[in-house]
Protein backbone atom coordinates (compact mmCIF):
# COMPACT_ATOMS: atom_id res chain seq x y z
CA MET A 1 34.58 13.36 15.13
CA SER A 2 38.05 14.91 15.14
CA TYR A 3 36.49 18.39 15.41
CA SER A 4 34.59 17.46 18.58
CA MET A 5 37.73 15.82 20.01
CA GLY A 6 39.63 19.04 19.29
CA ILE A 7 36.99 21.11 21.08
CA ALA A 8 36.99 18.72 24.03
CA SER A 9 40.77 18.76 24.27
CA VAL A 10 40.83 22.58 24.17
CA PHE A 11 38.28 22.66 26.96
CA VAL A 12 40.25 20.18 29.09
CA LEU A 13 43.57 21.94 28.55
CA SER A 14 42.15 25.39 29.24
CA SER A 15 40.56 24.17 32.46
CA LEU A 16 43.88 22.66 33.53
CA PHE A 17 45.77 25.87 32.82
CA LEU A 18 43.19 28.16 34.41
CA SER A 19 42.49 26.14 37.55
CA PRO A 20 45.46 27.65 39.49
CA LEU A 21 44.03 31.09 38.83
CA ALA A 22 40.66 30.03 40.19
CA MET A 23 42.28 28.59 43.29
CA ALA A 24 44.34 31.75 43.85
CA GLU A 25 41.31 33.47 45.36
CA GLU A 26 41.37 30.97 48.19
CA SER A 27 45.10 31.08 48.93
CA GLN A 28 46.37 32.78 52.08
CA THR A 29 48.74 34.97 50.06
CA PHE A 30 45.90 36.26 47.93
CA VAL A 31 43.79 37.00 51.00
CA ALA A 32 46.68 38.79 52.72
CA GLN A 33 47.33 40.94 49.66
CA ASN A 34 43.68 41.90 49.45
CA VAL A 35 43.62 42.84 53.14
CA SER A 36 46.72 45.02 52.77
CA ARG A 37 45.28 46.73 49.70
CA ALA A 38 41.99 47.38 51.48
CA THR A 39 43.82 48.81 54.50
CA ALA A 40 45.95 51.09 52.34
CA PHE A 41 42.86 52.26 50.46
CA GLU A 42 40.99 53.04 53.69
CA GLU A 43 43.97 54.99 55.05
CA HIS A 44 44.20 56.96 51.83
CA GLN A 45 40.47 57.71 51.94
CA SER A 46 40.65 58.90 55.55
CA ASP A 47 43.66 61.12 54.72
CA MET A 48 41.82 62.63 51.77
CA THR A 49 38.69 63.19 53.88
CA ALA A 50 40.75 64.87 56.61
CA LYS A 51 42.47 67.13 54.09
CA ALA A 52 39.16 68.06 52.50
CA SER A 53 37.57 68.86 55.86
CA GLU A 54 40.60 70.95 56.86
CA ALA A 55 40.39 72.84 53.59
CA THR A 56 36.71 73.64 54.11
CA GLN A 57 37.06 74.46 57.82
CA ALA A 58 40.03 76.80 57.45
CA PRO A 59 38.12 79.48 55.47
CA GLN A 60 35.13 79.11 57.80
CA ALA A 61 37.31 79.63 60.86
CA SER A 62 38.86 82.77 59.44
CA SER A 63 35.45 84.18 58.51
CA VAL A 64 34.17 83.50 62.04
CA GLN A 65 37.20 85.28 63.47
CA SER A 66 36.71 88.24 61.13
CA ARG A 67 33.04 88.47 62.11
CA ALA A 68 33.96 88.40 65.77
CA GLN A 69 36.56 91.12 65.18
CA ALA A 70 34.04 93.22 63.25
CA GLU A 71 31.49 92.91 66.03
CA LYS A 72 34.13 93.79 68.57
CA ASP A 73 35.16 96.92 66.63
CA SER A 74 31.61 98.20 66.23
């Protein structure tokens, strides 16, 4: 009997201590932090995509210019 009361009291106490964490997902502060993190992540991704496309386009542009120059010279 005391063992089952101990288990029940552990369950009740843990639910009381963990309930604020469960409610944190619904708080306005939590939502605002998630929105700001998502915005920062999207900006970082767009910056990285732009840098990657610039890096791949720069060699292509120079090769196009060198081809045009070679055609012009011949």
